[in-house]
């Protein structure tokens, strides 16, 4: 993130990852220790826009 406070901007950075257990992943390089990172974003449901799930909100169709 570049800056702090209400004028802060998100900034994409390239990182190198190490081992992962599927829940936590080691970051080997690309971030300074203590850096703030965004790992997900939750968008509000907006009228007429359907669910905020980027994958369609309905999940996988059930087989019968």
Protein backbone atom coordinates (compact mmCIF):
# COMPACT_ATOMS: atom_id res chain seq x y z
CA UNK A 1 0.00 0.00 0.00
CA UNK A 2 1.36 3.40 -0.86
CA UNK A 3 0.80 5.82 2.00
CA UNK A 4 -1.65 5.64 4.87
CA UNK A 5 -4.92 7.28 5.78
CA UNK A 6 -7.86 8.17 3.52
CA UNK A 7 -5.64 8.95 0.51
CA UNK A 8 -3.80 5.59 0.59
CA UNK A 9 -3.61 3.75 -2.74
CA UNK A 10 -3.32 0.02 -3.35
CA UNK A 11 -0.20 -0.99 -5.22
CA UNK A 12 0.43 -4.39 -6.82
CA UNK A 13 3.80 -5.92 -5.96
CA UNK A 14 5.50 -9.05 -7.14
CA UNK A 15 6.43 -11.50 -4.39
CA UNK A 16 8.24 -14.81 -4.18
CA UNK A 17 6.45 -17.45 -2.13
CA UNK A 18 7.84 -20.39 -0.20
CA UNK A 19 6.10 -23.26 1.52
CA UNK A 20 2.34 -23.32 1.99
CA UNK A 21 -0.05 -25.49 3.96
CA UNK A 22 -3.05 -24.33 1.93
CA UNK A 23 -4.02 -21.76 4.56
CA UNK A 24 -0.81 -19.87 5.24
CA UNK A 25 1.96 -19.17 2.71
CA UNK A 26 5.51 -18.07 3.39
CA UNK A 27 6.60 -14.88 1.58
CA UNK A 28 10.32 -15.14 0.79
CA UNK A 29 10.82 -11.76 -0.89
CA UNK A 30 8.97 -8.77 -2.24
CA UNK A 31 7.50 -7.41 1.00
CA UNK A 32 9.07 -5.60 3.90
CA UNK A 33 8.44 -7.06 7.35
CA UNK A 34 5.32 -5.48 8.82
CA UNK A 35 3.96 -4.36 5.44
CA UNK A 36 0.17 -4.13 5.20
CA UNK A 37 -1.35 -6.40 2.56
CA UNK A 38 -4.85 -6.89 1.14
CA UNK A 39 -5.78 -10.55 0.84
CA UNK A 40 -9.44 -10.19 -0.13
CA UNK A 41 -12.20 -7.65 -0.67
CA UNK A 42 -15.84 -7.92 0.37
CA UNK A 43 -18.20 -5.89 -1.80
CA UNK A 44 -21.67 -4.90 -0.63
CA UNK A 45 -24.70 -6.32 -2.41
CA UNK A 46 -26.03 -3.61 -4.71
CA UNK A 47 -29.66 -3.47 -5.87
CA UNK A 48 -30.02 -4.99 -9.34
CA UNK A 49 -26.47 -6.35 -9.36
CA UNK A 50 -27.16 -9.79 -7.91
CA UNK A 51 -24.81 -11.43 -5.47
CA UNK A 52 -21.38 -9.92 -4.91
CA UNK A 53 -19.71 -13.31 -5.42
CA UNK A 54 -17.38 -12.90 -8.43
CA UNK A 55 -18.10 -16.51 -9.44
CA UNK A 56 -21.82 -15.89 -9.93
CA UNK A 57 -23.11 -16.36 -6.41
CA UNK A 58 -24.84 -19.64 -7.15
CA UNK A 59 -22.03 -22.09 -6.68
CA UNK A 60 -21.97 -25.29 -8.66
CA UNK A 61 -25.24 -26.75 -9.97
CA UNK A 62 -26.38 -29.86 -8.13
CA UNK A 63 -26.60 -33.13 -10.02
CA UNK A 64 -29.81 -35.07 -9.68
